[in-house]
Amino acid sequence: MRNTERHPVEGANSLWHVYKTVPFWKVVKNFVVIQIARYTPFLGMKNWLYRTFLGMRVGDNTSFALMVMLDVMFPEKISVGTNSVIGYNTTILAHEYLIKEFRLGDVHIGSEVMIGANTTILPGITIGDGAIVSAGTLVHKDVPEGSFVGGNPMRIIYTKEQLSERWANDPIYGK
C-alpha cells in the first residue's frame, strides 16, 4: 500500500478544487522551472533549480535525464539521494486528483538508484538504496533496496541477494 494522505472533496471532482489545495502562482512558478530543467543539458543546473526553486532534496551527483517530468503541484515532496540516475522522460508524481478525493504522498528515491526511461512513479513510494527500476515501469508500490524491478504491474525481477549472485564475477559490478 502506498503511503498517501487522503483528502475528500464534495461536489465536482477533486481537480476542480485544485487551487484550493495549491496556490495558482506556485503552480505557474513550478511549471516554468520544471520546463526549463527538462530541456537543459546541464545536470548541475537542473539540481540547483530543483533545490532552489522547488524545495526538493537532491543528493550530490544525481542525474536527471532529458525530459524528466516532476510533480508540478508538490515537487517539495520529492527527495532523491546521491549518485542516482533518473532516466529519460520519467514522471514522478506526489499527488493524484480523483473523483471524490485527492491524495498526497512523499516520494523517496534512495542513493545509487537507477530509474530506466519512461518510468512513472506514483505518490507515496519509497525506492530503496541501490535499486534498479527497468524502463517503462509503473512504480505503484515500494521498491526494496538493492532489488531489480520492472513491468506493469511492477514486480521484483531479482532481489538484492539474487542480483549480488548474478554480478559476483562481473568486472564492473562484482565486489
N, C-alpha and C. Protein backbone atom coordinates (compact mmCIF):
# COMPACT_ATOMS: atom_id res chain seq x y z
N MET A 1 0.85 -1.19 0.00
CA MET A 1 0.00 0.00 0.00
C MET A 1 0.89 1.25 0.00
N ARG A 2 0.57 2.20 -0.85
CA ARG A 2 1.32 3.44 -0.90
C ARG A 2 0.99 4.30 0.31
N ASN A 3 1.95 5.12 0.72
CA ASN A 3 1.80 5.97 1.89
C ASN A 3 1.31 7.35 1.46
N THR A 4 -0.02 7.50 1.35
CA THR A 4 -0.59 8.78 0.93
C THR A 4 -1.60 9.28 1.96
N GLU A 5 -1.75 10.61 1.98
CA GLU A 5 -2.80 11.24 2.78
C GLU A 5 -4.01 11.42 1.87
N ARG A 6 -5.18 11.05 2.35
CA ARG A 6 -6.40 11.18 1.56
C ARG A 6 -7.20 12.40 2.02
N HIS A 7 -7.66 13.18 1.03
CA HIS A 7 -8.42 14.40 1.31
C HIS A 7 -9.72 14.36 0.50
N PRO A 8 -10.85 14.08 1.17
CA PRO A 8 -12.12 14.01 0.43
C PRO A 8 -12.57 15.40 -0.04
N VAL A 9 -13.32 15.41 -1.16
CA VAL A 9 -13.93 16.64 -1.67
C VAL A 9 -15.41 16.39 -1.92
N GLU A 10 -16.17 17.47 -1.94
CA GLU A 10 -17.60 17.36 -2.22
C GLU A 10 -17.91 18.13 -3.49
N GLY A 11 -18.94 17.69 -4.20
CA GLY A 11 -19.35 18.37 -5.42
C GLY A 11 -18.55 17.87 -6.61
N ALA A 12 -17.99 18.81 -7.36
CA ALA A 12 -17.24 18.47 -8.57
C ALA A 12 -16.00 17.65 -8.21
N ASN A 13 -15.45 16.95 -9.21
CA ASN A 13 -14.26 16.12 -8.97
C ASN A 13 -13.13 16.97 -8.38
N SER A 14 -12.17 16.30 -7.79
CA SER A 14 -11.14 16.99 -7.00
C SER A 14 -10.27 17.93 -7.82
N LEU A 15 -10.12 17.67 -9.12
CA LEU A 15 -9.30 18.58 -9.93
C LEU A 15 -9.95 19.96 -10.06
N TRP A 16 -11.28 20.02 -9.96
CA TRP A 16 -11.96 21.31 -9.97
C TRP A 16 -11.63 22.11 -8.70
N HIS A 17 -11.13 21.45 -7.69
CA HIS A 17 -10.77 22.10 -6.42
C HIS A 17 -9.28 22.38 -6.32
N VAL A 18 -8.56 22.24 -7.42
CA VAL A 18 -7.10 22.27 -7.39
C VAL A 18 -6.53 23.52 -6.73
N TYR A 19 -7.08 24.69 -7.01
CA TYR A 19 -6.48 25.91 -6.47
C TYR A 19 -6.94 26.21 -5.05
N LYS A 20 -7.74 25.32 -4.49
CA LYS A 20 -8.00 25.35 -3.05
C LYS A 20 -6.92 24.54 -2.33
N THR A 21 -6.24 23.66 -3.07
CA THR A 21 -5.23 22.79 -2.46
C THR A 21 -3.81 23.28 -2.69
N VAL A 22 -3.58 24.05 -3.74
CA VAL A 22 -2.24 24.56 -4.05
C VAL A 22 -2.41 25.93 -4.73
N PRO A 23 -1.63 26.93 -4.33
CA PRO A 23 -1.78 28.27 -4.91
C PRO A 23 -1.46 28.30 -6.42
N PHE A 24 -2.24 29.03 -7.16
CA PHE A 24 -2.08 29.16 -8.61
C PHE A 24 -0.67 29.61 -8.99
N TRP A 25 -0.14 30.64 -8.32
CA TRP A 25 1.17 31.18 -8.70
C TRP A 25 2.30 30.21 -8.37
N LYS A 26 2.11 29.37 -7.36
CA LYS A 26 3.09 28.33 -7.07
C LYS A 26 3.15 27.34 -8.24
N VAL A 27 2.01 26.96 -8.76
CA VAL A 27 1.95 26.03 -9.89
C VAL A 27 2.60 26.66 -11.12
N VAL A 28 2.34 27.92 -11.37
CA VAL A 28 2.93 28.62 -12.52
C VAL A 28 4.46 28.62 -12.39
N LYS A 29 4.97 29.04 -11.22
CA LYS A 29 6.42 29.06 -10.99
C LYS A 29 7.02 27.67 -11.17
N ASN A 30 6.40 26.66 -10.55
CA ASN A 30 6.91 25.29 -10.65
C ASN A 30 6.93 24.82 -12.10
N PHE A 31 5.87 25.12 -12.83
CA PHE A 31 5.78 24.70 -14.24
C PHE A 31 6.93 25.30 -15.05
N VAL A 32 7.18 26.58 -14.87
CA VAL A 32 8.26 27.25 -15.62
C VAL A 32 9.62 26.64 -15.26
N VAL A 33 9.89 26.46 -13.98
CA VAL A 33 11.16 25.88 -13.54
C VAL A 33 11.32 24.47 -14.10
N ILE A 34 10.29 23.66 -14.00
CA ILE A 34 10.36 22.27 -14.47
C ILE A 34 10.60 22.23 -15.97
N GLN A 35 9.92 23.10 -16.72
CA GLN A 35 10.11 23.11 -18.18
C GLN A 35 11.52 23.53 -18.56
N ILE A 36 12.08 24.51 -17.88
CA ILE A 36 13.47 24.91 -18.14
C ILE A 36 14.40 23.73 -17.85
N ALA A 37 14.20 23.09 -16.71
CA ALA A 37 15.07 21.97 -16.32
C ALA A 37 14.92 20.77 -17.25
N ARG A 38 13.73 20.54 -17.76
CA ARG A 38 13.51 19.39 -18.65
C ARG A 38 14.39 19.45 -19.89
N TYR A 39 14.67 20.67 -20.37
CA TYR A 39 15.40 20.84 -21.63
C TYR A 39 16.86 21.20 -21.46
N THR A 40 17.28 21.59 -20.25
CA THR A 40 18.68 21.98 -20.09
C THR A 40 19.58 20.75 -20.07
N PRO A 41 20.71 20.82 -20.75
CA PRO A 41 21.64 19.69 -20.74
C PRO A 41 22.60 19.71 -19.55
N PHE A 42 22.50 20.72 -18.71
CA PHE A 42 23.45 20.88 -17.60
C PHE A 42 22.90 20.26 -16.32
N LEU A 43 23.46 19.12 -15.93
CA LEU A 43 22.93 18.37 -14.79
C LEU A 43 23.02 19.17 -13.49
N GLY A 44 24.13 19.84 -13.26
CA GLY A 44 24.28 20.65 -12.06
C GLY A 44 23.24 21.76 -11.98
N MET A 45 22.93 22.36 -13.13
CA MET A 45 21.93 23.42 -13.16
C MET A 45 20.54 22.86 -12.82
N LYS A 46 20.23 21.68 -13.34
CA LYS A 46 18.93 21.07 -13.01
C LYS A 46 18.80 20.89 -11.51
N ASN A 47 19.83 20.30 -10.88
CA ASN A 47 19.77 20.05 -9.45
C ASN A 47 19.64 21.36 -8.67
N TRP A 48 20.36 22.39 -9.11
CA TRP A 48 20.27 23.69 -8.45
C TRP A 48 18.86 24.27 -8.58
N LEU A 49 18.28 24.19 -9.77
CA LEU A 49 16.91 24.67 -9.98
C LEU A 49 15.93 23.94 -9.06
N TYR A 50 16.06 22.61 -9.01
CA TYR A 50 15.15 21.80 -8.19
C TYR A 50 15.29 22.14 -6.71
N ARG A 51 16.51 22.29 -6.24
CA ARG A 51 16.73 22.60 -4.82
C ARG A 51 16.27 24.02 -4.49
N THR A 52 16.67 24.96 -5.34
CA THR A 52 16.47 26.39 -5.05
C THR A 52 15.02 26.82 -5.22
N PHE A 53 14.39 26.43 -6.31
CA PHE A 53 13.06 26.95 -6.63
C PHE A 53 11.91 25.99 -6.32
N LEU A 54 12.21 24.70 -6.22
CA LEU A 54 11.13 23.73 -5.98
C LEU A 54 11.16 23.15 -4.58
N GLY A 55 12.24 23.40 -3.83
CA GLY A 55 12.32 22.88 -2.47
C GLY A 55 12.56 21.38 -2.38
N MET A 56 13.07 20.79 -3.46
CA MET A 56 13.36 19.36 -3.46
C MET A 56 14.66 19.08 -2.73
N ARG A 57 14.79 17.87 -2.21
CA ARG A 57 16.05 17.39 -1.65
C ARG A 57 16.68 16.49 -2.69
N VAL A 58 17.82 16.95 -3.22
CA VAL A 58 18.51 16.22 -4.29
C VAL A 58 19.96 16.03 -3.86
N GLY A 59 20.42 14.79 -3.82
CA GLY A 59 21.78 14.48 -3.39
C GLY A 59 22.81 14.84 -4.45
N ASP A 60 24.06 14.89 -4.02
CA ASP A 60 25.18 15.19 -4.92
C ASP A 60 25.28 14.13 -6.01
N ASN A 61 25.71 14.57 -7.18
CA ASN A 61 25.97 13.71 -8.34
C ASN A 61 24.74 12.96 -8.85
N THR A 62 23.55 13.39 -8.46
CA THR A 62 22.34 12.78 -9.01
C THR A 62 22.09 13.39 -10.38
N SER A 63 21.65 12.54 -11.31
CA SER A 63 21.44 12.97 -12.69
C SER A 63 19.98 12.79 -13.09
N PHE A 64 19.36 13.88 -13.51
CA PHE A 64 18.02 13.84 -14.08
C PHE A 64 18.19 13.97 -15.59
N ALA A 65 17.80 12.94 -16.32
CA ALA A 65 17.96 12.95 -17.77
C ALA A 65 17.00 13.96 -18.42
N LEU A 66 17.18 14.13 -19.71
CA LEU A 66 16.33 15.00 -20.51
C LEU A 66 14.86 14.60 -20.36
N MET A 67 13.99 15.56 -20.24
CA MET A 67 12.54 15.41 -20.27
C MET A 67 11.92 14.79 -19.02
N VAL A 68 12.67 14.67 -17.93
CA VAL A 68 12.07 14.17 -16.69
C VAL A 68 10.98 15.15 -16.26
N MET A 69 9.80 14.62 -15.93
CA MET A 69 8.66 15.45 -15.53
C MET A 69 8.38 15.24 -14.05
N LEU A 70 8.63 16.28 -13.26
CA LEU A 70 8.38 16.23 -11.82
C LEU A 70 6.97 16.72 -11.53
N ASP A 71 6.48 16.36 -10.37
CA ASP A 71 5.17 16.81 -9.93
C ASP A 71 5.13 18.34 -9.90
N VAL A 72 4.25 18.93 -10.68
CA VAL A 72 4.20 20.38 -10.82
C VAL A 72 3.51 21.05 -9.62
N MET A 73 2.70 20.30 -8.90
CA MET A 73 1.95 20.88 -7.78
C MET A 73 2.72 20.79 -6.45
N PHE A 74 3.37 19.65 -6.21
CA PHE A 74 4.02 19.41 -4.92
C PHE A 74 5.43 18.82 -5.09
N PRO A 75 6.32 19.47 -5.83
CA PRO A 75 7.65 18.91 -6.04
C PRO A 75 8.47 18.82 -4.75
N GLU A 76 8.13 19.63 -3.76
CA GLU A 76 8.86 19.61 -2.49
C GLU A 76 8.67 18.30 -1.74
N LYS A 77 7.73 17.48 -2.18
CA LYS A 77 7.50 16.17 -1.56
C LYS A 77 8.38 15.08 -2.17
N ILE A 78 9.27 15.46 -3.09
CA ILE A 78 10.15 14.50 -3.77
C ILE A 78 11.57 14.66 -3.23
N SER A 79 12.20 13.53 -2.88
CA SER A 79 13.61 13.56 -2.48
C SER A 79 14.35 12.44 -3.20
N VAL A 80 15.59 12.75 -3.61
CA VAL A 80 16.43 11.78 -4.31
C VAL A 80 17.80 11.81 -3.65
N GLY A 81 18.33 10.62 -3.36
CA GLY A 81 19.64 10.51 -2.71
C GLY A 81 20.79 10.84 -3.64
N THR A 82 21.99 10.47 -3.24
CA THR A 82 23.19 10.79 -4.00
C THR A 82 23.46 9.77 -5.10
N ASN A 83 24.07 10.26 -6.18
CA ASN A 83 24.58 9.44 -7.27
C ASN A 83 23.52 8.54 -7.91
N SER A 84 22.30 9.03 -7.98
CA SER A 84 21.22 8.29 -8.64
C SER A 84 21.02 8.81 -10.05
N VAL A 85 20.40 7.98 -10.90
CA VAL A 85 20.09 8.37 -12.27
C VAL A 85 18.59 8.22 -12.48
N ILE A 86 17.95 9.31 -12.90
CA ILE A 86 16.53 9.30 -13.22
C ILE A 86 16.45 9.38 -14.74
N GLY A 87 15.96 8.32 -15.38
CA GLY A 87 16.01 8.17 -16.82
C GLY A 87 15.08 9.07 -17.61
N TYR A 88 15.38 9.15 -18.90
CA TYR A 88 14.67 9.98 -19.87
C TYR A 88 13.16 9.84 -19.74
N ASN A 89 12.48 10.98 -19.71
CA ASN A 89 11.02 11.05 -19.77
C ASN A 89 10.32 10.36 -18.59
N THR A 90 11.02 10.21 -17.48
CA THR A 90 10.39 9.64 -16.28
C THR A 90 9.46 10.67 -15.67
N THR A 91 8.34 10.22 -15.12
CA THR A 91 7.39 11.08 -14.42
C THR A 91 7.37 10.69 -12.95
N ILE A 92 7.52 11.69 -12.08
CA ILE A 92 7.48 11.45 -10.64
C ILE A 92 6.34 12.28 -10.06
N LEU A 93 5.32 11.60 -9.53
CA LEU A 93 4.13 12.26 -9.01
C LEU A 93 4.09 12.22 -7.48
N ALA A 94 3.66 13.31 -6.88
CA ALA A 94 3.46 13.36 -5.43
C ALA A 94 1.99 13.63 -5.11
N HIS A 95 1.16 13.71 -6.13
CA HIS A 95 -0.27 13.94 -5.94
C HIS A 95 -1.06 13.12 -6.95
N GLU A 96 -2.33 12.90 -6.64
CA GLU A 96 -3.27 12.36 -7.62
C GLU A 96 -4.65 12.91 -7.29
N TYR A 97 -5.27 13.47 -8.30
CA TYR A 97 -6.61 14.02 -8.15
C TYR A 97 -7.60 13.00 -8.72
N LEU A 98 -8.52 12.54 -7.86
CA LEU A 98 -9.51 11.53 -8.23
C LEU A 98 -10.90 12.17 -8.22
N ILE A 99 -11.94 11.39 -8.40
CA ILE A 99 -13.29 11.94 -8.44
C ILE A 99 -13.71 12.50 -7.08
N LYS A 100 -13.64 11.71 -6.04
CA LYS A 100 -14.16 12.11 -4.74
C LYS A 100 -13.09 12.51 -3.72
N GLU A 101 -11.82 12.47 -4.13
CA GLU A 101 -10.74 12.82 -3.21
C GLU A 101 -9.49 13.15 -4.00
N PHE A 102 -8.53 13.81 -3.30
CA PHE A 102 -7.19 13.90 -3.84
C PHE A 102 -6.26 13.31 -2.80
N ARG A 103 -5.11 12.81 -3.28
CA ARG A 103 -4.14 12.16 -2.40
C ARG A 103 -2.78 12.80 -2.58
N LEU A 104 -2.06 12.93 -1.47
CA LEU A 104 -0.71 13.46 -1.48
C LEU A 104 0.21 12.44 -0.81
N GLY A 105 1.41 12.29 -1.35
CA GLY A 105 2.36 11.37 -0.74
C GLY A 105 3.79 11.71 -1.09
N ASP A 106 4.67 11.64 -0.10
CA ASP A 106 6.09 11.86 -0.34
C ASP A 106 6.66 10.74 -1.20
N VAL A 107 7.61 11.11 -2.05
CA VAL A 107 8.34 10.14 -2.86
C VAL A 107 9.80 10.20 -2.43
N HIS A 108 10.31 9.06 -1.96
CA HIS A 108 11.70 8.97 -1.52
C HIS A 108 12.44 8.01 -2.44
N ILE A 109 13.43 8.54 -3.15
CA ILE A 109 14.27 7.73 -4.02
C ILE A 109 15.65 7.73 -3.36
N GLY A 110 16.18 6.55 -3.10
CA GLY A 110 17.43 6.42 -2.37
C GLY A 110 18.66 6.81 -3.16
N SER A 111 19.81 6.47 -2.61
CA SER A 111 21.09 6.73 -3.26
C SER A 111 21.47 5.55 -4.14
N GLU A 112 22.26 5.86 -5.19
CA GLU A 112 22.75 4.83 -6.12
C GLU A 112 21.59 4.07 -6.77
N VAL A 113 20.49 4.77 -7.04
CA VAL A 113 19.31 4.18 -7.68
C VAL A 113 19.36 4.47 -9.17
N MET A 114 18.97 3.49 -9.96
CA MET A 114 18.87 3.65 -11.42
C MET A 114 17.41 3.49 -11.81
N ILE A 115 16.84 4.55 -12.40
CA ILE A 115 15.46 4.51 -12.88
C ILE A 115 15.52 4.57 -14.40
N GLY A 116 14.99 3.56 -15.07
CA GLY A 116 15.00 3.50 -16.52
C GLY A 116 14.05 4.50 -17.15
N ALA A 117 14.24 4.73 -18.44
CA ALA A 117 13.44 5.70 -19.21
C ALA A 117 11.96 5.35 -19.18
N ASN A 118 11.15 6.40 -19.29
CA ASN A 118 9.69 6.27 -19.42
C ASN A 118 9.03 5.56 -18.24
N THR A 119 9.60 5.71 -17.07
CA THR A 119 9.03 5.15 -15.85
C THR A 119 8.09 6.17 -15.24
N THR A 120 7.03 5.68 -14.59
CA THR A 120 6.13 6.54 -13.83
C THR A 120 6.16 6.09 -12.38
N ILE A 121 6.42 7.06 -11.48
CA ILE A 121 6.47 6.78 -10.05
C ILE A 121 5.28 7.49 -9.41
N LEU A 122 4.43 6.72 -8.74
CA LEU A 122 3.22 7.25 -8.13
C LEU A 122 3.50 7.83 -6.75
N PRO A 123 2.58 8.64 -6.21
CA PRO A 123 2.78 9.25 -4.89
C PRO A 123 2.89 8.21 -3.77
N GLY A 124 3.64 8.56 -2.73
CA GLY A 124 3.72 7.74 -1.54
C GLY A 124 4.66 6.55 -1.67
N ILE A 125 5.61 6.62 -2.59
CA ILE A 125 6.51 5.50 -2.88
C ILE A 125 7.89 5.74 -2.29
N THR A 126 8.52 4.67 -1.80
CA THR A 126 9.92 4.70 -1.40
C THR A 126 10.67 3.69 -2.26
N ILE A 127 11.75 4.16 -2.88
CA ILE A 127 12.63 3.29 -3.66
C ILE A 127 13.95 3.22 -2.89
N GLY A 128 14.30 2.01 -2.44
CA GLY A 128 15.45 1.83 -1.58
C GLY A 128 16.79 2.05 -2.27
N ASP A 129 17.82 2.29 -1.48
CA ASP A 129 19.18 2.49 -1.98
C ASP A 129 19.60 1.33 -2.87
N GLY A 130 20.27 1.66 -3.97
CA GLY A 130 20.83 0.65 -4.85
C GLY A 130 19.83 -0.10 -5.71
N ALA A 131 18.58 0.31 -5.70
CA ALA A 131 17.56 -0.38 -6.51
C ALA A 131 17.71 0.00 -7.98
N ILE A 132 17.23 -0.89 -8.83
CA ILE A 132 17.19 -0.65 -10.28
C ILE A 132 15.74 -0.83 -10.72
N VAL A 133 15.22 0.19 -11.43
CA VAL A 133 13.86 0.14 -11.96
C VAL A 133 13.97 0.10 -13.48
N SER A 134 13.45 -0.97 -14.06
CA SER A 134 13.51 -1.16 -15.51
C SER A 134 12.73 -0.08 -16.25
N ALA A 135 13.15 0.20 -17.47
CA ALA A 135 12.46 1.20 -18.31
C ALA A 135 10.99 0.83 -18.47
N GLY A 136 10.14 1.86 -18.49
CA GLY A 136 8.72 1.67 -18.75
C GLY A 136 7.93 1.10 -17.59
N THR A 137 8.49 1.12 -16.40
CA THR A 137 7.82 0.54 -15.23
C THR A 137 6.85 1.53 -14.60
N LEU A 138 5.70 1.03 -14.14
CA LEU A 138 4.79 1.81 -13.32
C LEU A 138 5.07 1.42 -11.87
N VAL A 139 5.72 2.33 -11.13
CA VAL A 139 6.10 2.05 -9.75
C VAL A 139 4.90 2.40 -8.86
N HIS A 140 4.15 1.36 -8.48
CA HIS A 140 2.92 1.54 -7.72
C HIS A 140 3.03 1.03 -6.28
N LYS A 141 4.21 0.52 -5.92
CA LYS A 141 4.46 0.10 -4.54
C LYS A 141 5.94 0.28 -4.26
N ASP A 142 6.30 0.22 -2.98
CA ASP A 142 7.68 0.44 -2.57
C ASP A 142 8.61 -0.59 -3.22
N VAL A 143 9.85 -0.14 -3.46
CA VAL A 143 10.88 -0.99 -4.07
C VAL A 143 11.95 -1.26 -3.01
N PRO A 144 12.18 -2.53 -2.68
CA PRO A 144 13.20 -2.85 -1.67
C PRO A 144 14.60 -2.45 -2.12
N GLU A 145 15.45 -2.09 -1.17
CA GLU A 145 16.81 -1.68 -1.51
C GLU A 145 17.54 -2.81 -2.23
N GLY A 146 18.32 -2.42 -3.23
CA GLY A 146 19.16 -3.35 -3.96
C GLY A 146 18.45 -4.28 -4.92
N SER A 147 17.14 -4.17 -5.03
CA SER A 147 16.40 -5.08 -5.91
C SER A 147 16.32 -4.53 -7.33
N PHE A 148 15.96 -5.40 -8.25
CA PHE A 148 15.74 -5.04 -9.65
C PHE A 148 14.28 -5.31 -9.94
N VAL A 149 13.53 -4.26 -10.30
CA VAL A 149 12.09 -4.38 -10.55
C VAL A 149 11.75 -3.91 -11.94
N GLY A 150 10.59 -4.35 -12.43
CA GLY A 150 10.15 -3.89 -13.74
C GLY A 150 8.74 -4.35 -14.03
N GLY A 151 8.21 -3.78 -15.11
CA GLY A 151 6.91 -4.21 -15.62
C GLY A 151 5.74 -3.37 -15.19
N ASN A 152 4.60 -3.76 -15.73
CA ASN A 152 3.32 -3.14 -15.41
C ASN A 152 2.28 -4.26 -15.41
N PRO A 153 1.89 -4.77 -14.24
CA PRO A 153 2.24 -4.23 -12.92
C PRO A 153 3.69 -4.54 -12.56
N MET A 154 4.27 -3.64 -11.76
CA MET A 154 5.65 -3.82 -11.34
C MET A 154 5.78 -5.07 -10.49
N ARG A 155 6.88 -5.78 -10.72
CA ARG A 155 7.18 -6.94 -9.88
C ARG A 155 8.68 -6.99 -9.65
N ILE A 156 9.09 -7.70 -8.61
CA ILE A 156 10.51 -7.88 -8.34
C ILE A 156 11.04 -8.93 -9.30
N ILE A 157 12.04 -8.56 -10.08
CA ILE A 157 12.68 -9.47 -11.02
C ILE A 157 13.83 -10.20 -10.32
N TYR A 158 14.66 -9.45 -9.57
CA TYR A 158 15.73 -10.02 -8.77
C TYR A 158 15.75 -9.32 -7.42
N THR A 159 15.90 -10.08 -6.37
CA THR A 159 16.12 -9.50 -5.04
C THR A 159 17.56 -9.00 -4.96
N LYS A 160 17.88 -8.30 -3.90
CA LYS A 160 19.24 -7.83 -3.68
C LYS A 160 20.22 -9.00 -3.68
N GLU A 161 19.86 -10.08 -3.02
CA GLU A 161 20.73 -11.25 -2.93
C GLU A 161 20.92 -11.93 -4.29
N GLN A 162 19.82 -12.06 -5.05
CA GLN A 162 19.92 -12.68 -6.38
C GLN A 162 20.78 -11.84 -7.31
N LEU A 163 20.62 -10.53 -7.23
CA LEU A 163 21.40 -9.64 -8.08
C LEU A 163 22.88 -9.71 -7.71
N SER A 164 23.17 -9.79 -6.42
CA SER A 164 24.57 -9.92 -5.97
C SER A 164 25.20 -11.19 -6.54
N GLU A 165 24.45 -12.27 -6.52
CA GLU A 165 24.95 -13.54 -7.08
C GLU A 165 25.23 -13.41 -8.58
N ARG A 166 24.31 -12.80 -9.30
CA ARG A 166 24.47 -12.64 -10.75
C ARG A 166 25.69 -11.81 -11.09
N TRP A 167 25.99 -10.81 -10.25
CA TRP A 167 27.07 -9.89 -10.55
C TRP A 167 28.38 -10.24 -9.84
N ALA A 168 28.41 -11.34 -9.13
CA ALA A 168 29.59 -11.68 -8.31
C ALA A 168 30.87 -11.69 -9.12
N ASN A 169 30.84 -12.16 -10.34
CA ASN A 169 32.07 -12.26 -11.16
C ASN A 169 32.15 -11.17 -12.23
N ASP A 170 31.27 -10.22 -12.18
CA ASP A 170 31.28 -9.14 -13.17
C ASP A 170 32.41 -8.16 -12.82
N PRO A 171 33.25 -7.78 -13.81
CA PRO A 171 34.38 -6.90 -13.51
C PRO A 171 33.97 -5.49 -13.06
N ILE A 172 32.78 -5.05 -13.40
CA ILE A 172 32.33 -3.72 -13.00
C ILE A 172 31.52 -3.76 -11.72
N TYR A 173 30.57 -4.69 -11.64
CA TYR A 173 29.65 -4.72 -10.50
C TYR A 173 30.05 -5.69 -9.40
N GLY A 174 30.89 -6.65 -9.70
CA GLY A 174 31.31 -7.63 -8.69
C GLY A 174 32.12 -6.97 -7.60
N LYS A 175 31.91 -7.42 -6.40
CA LYS A 175 32.63 -6.83 -5.26
C LYS A 175 33.22 -7.89 -4.40
